[in-house]
């Protein structure tokens, strides 16, 4: 999937993984393949704390943009990403078959 491990982060408490961000790159564009925070660590702004240094590193490396996808029903994730500074560019309908 083109994961760039040098731009993919983990948040730990001692040796326990609390959250992660997986970033793929293509040229000077980056794409967030996945972000996750364990339930016990939610509500502590962990996503923002992982993205702050990531965004600094992307700027330093002169990436032109970072894209991601979020399910519309995932209000907590939408709110977290908007707090970081992401904007919604389009919404898609998702269907189950």
C-alpha atoms as a PDB file:
ATOM      1  CA  UNK A   1       0.000   0.000   0.000  1.00  0.00           C
ATOM      2  CA  UNK A   2       3.031   2.277  -0.170  1.00  0.00           C
ATOM      3  CA  UNK A   3       3.352   2.764   3.589  1.00  0.00           C
ATOM      4  CA  UNK A   4       6.216   5.084   4.467  1.00  0.00           C
ATOM      5  CA  UNK A   5       7.409   3.883   7.862  1.00  0.00           C
ATOM      6  CA  UNK A   6       9.469   7.032   8.366  1.00  0.00           C
ATOM      7  CA  UNK A   7       6.196   9.017   8.373  1.00  0.00           C
ATOM      8  CA  UNK A   8       4.098   6.486  10.291  1.00  0.00           C
ATOM      9  CA  UNK A   9       3.807   7.049  14.017  1.00  0.00           C
ATOM     10  CA  UNK A  10       2.859   5.211  17.153  1.00  0.00           C
ATOM     11  CA  UNK A  11       1.918   6.550  20.567  1.00  0.00           C
ATOM     12  CA  UNK A  12       2.968   4.449  23.520  1.00  0.00           C
ATOM     13  CA  UNK A  13       2.566   4.300  27.276  1.00  0.00           C
ATOM     14  CA  UNK A  14       5.712   2.416  28.271  1.00  0.00           C
ATOM     15  CA  UNK A  15       5.572  -0.504  25.815  1.00  0.00           C
ATOM     16  CA  UNK A  16       1.781  -0.429  25.310  1.00  0.00           C
ATOM     17  CA  UNK A  17       0.619   0.892  21.933  1.00  0.00           C
ATOM     18  CA  UNK A  18      -2.162   3.455  22.444  1.00  0.00           C
ATOM     19  CA  UNK A  19      -2.472   4.850  18.938  1.00  0.00           C
ATOM     20  CA  UNK A  20      -0.998   4.800  15.457  1.00  0.00           C
ATOM     21  CA  UNK A  21      -0.959   6.679  12.144  1.00  0.00           C
ATOM     22  CA  UNK A  22       0.008   4.914   8.895  1.00  0.00           C
ATOM     23  CA  UNK A  23       1.019   7.201   6.030  1.00  0.00           C
ATOM     24  CA  UNK A  24       1.531   6.287   2.378  1.00  0.00           C
ATOM     25  CA  UNK A  25       3.263   8.587  -0.082  1.00  0.00           C
ATOM     26  CA  UNK A  26       3.295   9.111  -3.820  1.00  0.00           C
ATOM     27  CA  UNK A  27       5.528  11.879  -5.095  1.00  0.00           C
ATOM     28  CA  UNK A  28       4.845  14.893  -2.874  1.00  0.00           C
ATOM     29  CA  UNK A  29       1.367  13.744  -1.803  1.00  0.00           C
ATOM     30  CA  UNK A  30       0.703  11.830   1.391  1.00  0.00           C
ATOM     31  CA  UNK A  31      -2.327   9.746   2.297  1.00  0.00           C
ATOM     32  CA  UNK A  32      -3.395   8.641   5.755  1.00  0.00           C
ATOM     33  CA  UNK A  33      -4.136   4.952   5.291  1.00  0.00           C
ATOM     34  CA  UNK A  34      -5.212   4.400   8.876  1.00  0.00           C
ATOM     35  CA  UNK A  35      -5.358   6.056  12.252  1.00  0.00           C
ATOM     36  CA  UNK A  36      -6.385   4.267  15.409  1.00  0.00           C
ATOM     37  CA  UNK A  37      -6.565   4.933  19.125  1.00  0.00           C
ATOM     38  CA  UNK A  38      -7.381   2.238  21.673  1.00  0.00           C
ATOM     39  CA  UNK A  39     -10.658   2.820  23.459  1.00  0.00           C
ATOM     40  CA  UNK A  40      -9.040   3.490  26.849  1.00  0.00           C
ATOM     41  CA  UNK A  41      -6.978   6.374  25.390  1.00  0.00           C
ATOM     42  CA  UNK A  42      -9.781   8.111  23.474  1.00  0.00           C
ATOM     43  CA  UNK A  43     -10.768  11.614  24.528  1.00  0.00           C
ATOM     44  CA  UNK A  44      -7.173  12.594  25.394  1.00  0.00           C
ATOM     45  CA  UNK A  45      -6.381  14.413  22.103  1.00  0.00           C
ATOM     46  CA  UNK A  46      -3.993  11.595  21.194  1.00  0.00           C
ATOM     47  CA  UNK A  47      -4.771  11.917  17.478  1.00  0.00           C
ATOM     48  CA  UNK A  48      -3.783  15.596  17.558  1.00  0.00           C
ATOM     49  CA  UNK A  49      -0.651  14.794  19.548  1.00  0.00           C
ATOM     50  CA  UNK A  50       0.374  12.246  16.895  1.00  0.00           C
ATOM     51  CA  UNK A  51      -0.482  14.526  13.971  1.00  0.00           C
ATOM     52  CA  UNK A  52       1.306  17.657  15.229  1.00  0.00           C
ATOM     53  CA  UNK A  53       4.847  16.277  14.680  1.00  0.00           C
ATOM     54  CA  UNK A  54       3.704  14.415  11.551  1.00  0.00           C
ATOM     55  CA  UNK A  55       2.436  17.620   9.934  1.00  0.00           C
ATOM     56  CA  UNK A  56       5.676  19.389  10.847  1.00  0.00           C
ATOM     57  CA  UNK A  57       7.665  16.590   9.212  1.00  0.00           C
ATOM     58  CA  UNK A  58       5.497  16.670   6.071  1.00  0.00           C
ATOM     59  CA  UNK A  59       6.057  20.433   5.783  1.00  0.00           C
ATOM     60  CA  UNK A  60       9.795  19.983   6.334  1.00  0.00           C
ATOM     61  CA  UNK A  61       9.899  17.415   3.528  1.00  0.00           C
ATOM     62  CA  UNK A  62       7.844  19.765   1.298  1.00  0.00           C
ATOM     63  CA  UNK A  63       4.789  17.532   0.845  1.00  0.00           C
ATOM     64  CA  UNK A  64       2.019  19.388  -0.964  1.00  0.00           C
ATOM     65  CA  UNK A  65      -0.932  17.758   0.799  1.00  0.00           C
ATOM     66  CA  UNK A  66      -2.125  15.082   3.171  1.00  0.00           C
ATOM     67  CA  UNK A  67      -5.405  13.332   2.382  1.00  0.00           C
ATOM     68  CA  UNK A  68      -7.538  10.969   4.404  1.00  0.00           C
ATOM     69  CA  UNK A  69     -10.931   9.314   4.357  1.00  0.00           C
ATOM     70  CA  UNK A  70     -13.348   9.076   7.277  1.00  0.00           C
ATOM     71  CA  UNK A  71     -16.708   7.382   7.552  1.00  0.00           C
ATOM     72  CA  UNK A  72     -19.393  10.049   7.903  1.00  0.00           C
ATOM     73  CA  UNK A  73     -20.877   8.230  10.881  1.00  0.00           C
ATOM     74  CA  UNK A  74     -17.602   8.448  12.815  1.00  0.00           C
ATOM     75  CA  UNK A  75     -18.298  11.779  14.487  1.00  0.00           C
ATOM     76  CA  UNK A  76     -15.414  11.540  16.950  1.00  0.00           C
ATOM     77  CA  UNK A  77     -12.885  11.023  14.153  1.00  0.00           C
ATOM     78  CA  UNK A  78     -14.408  13.809  12.041  1.00  0.00           C
ATOM     79  CA  UNK A  79     -14.210  16.165  15.001  1.00  0.00           C
ATOM     80  CA  UNK A  80     -10.616  15.158  15.776  1.00  0.00           C
ATOM     81  CA  UNK A  81      -9.495  15.710  12.192  1.00  0.00           C
ATOM     82  CA  UNK A  82     -11.282  19.052  11.924  1.00  0.00           C
ATOM     83  CA  UNK A  83      -9.619  20.162  15.193  1.00  0.00           C
ATOM     84  CA  UNK A  84      -6.260  19.338  13.589  1.00  0.00           C
ATOM     85  CA  UNK A  85      -7.139  21.522  10.590  1.00  0.00           C
ATOM     86  CA  UNK A  86      -8.479  19.113   7.984  1.00  0.00           C
ATOM     87  CA  UNK A  87     -11.392  20.258   5.852  1.00  0.00           C
ATOM     88  CA  UNK A  88     -14.059  18.162   4.169  1.00  0.00           C
ATOM     89  CA  UNK A  89     -13.711  18.356   0.395  1.00  0.00           C
ATOM     90  CA  UNK A  90     -16.360  15.828  -0.568  1.00  0.00           C
ATOM     91  CA  UNK A  91     -18.754  13.308   0.921  1.00  0.00           C
ATOM     92  CA  UNK A  92     -19.522   9.935  -0.595  1.00  0.00           C
ATOM     93  CA  UNK A  93     -22.383   7.550   0.032  1.00  0.00           C
ATOM     94  CA  UNK A  94     -21.445   4.077   1.193  1.00  0.00           C
ATOM     95  CA  UNK A  95     -23.677   1.090   0.625  1.00  0.00           C
ATOM     96  CA  UNK A  96     -23.675  -2.414   1.990  1.00  0.00           C
ATOM     97  CA  UNK A  97     -24.484  -5.280  -0.316  1.00  0.00           C
END
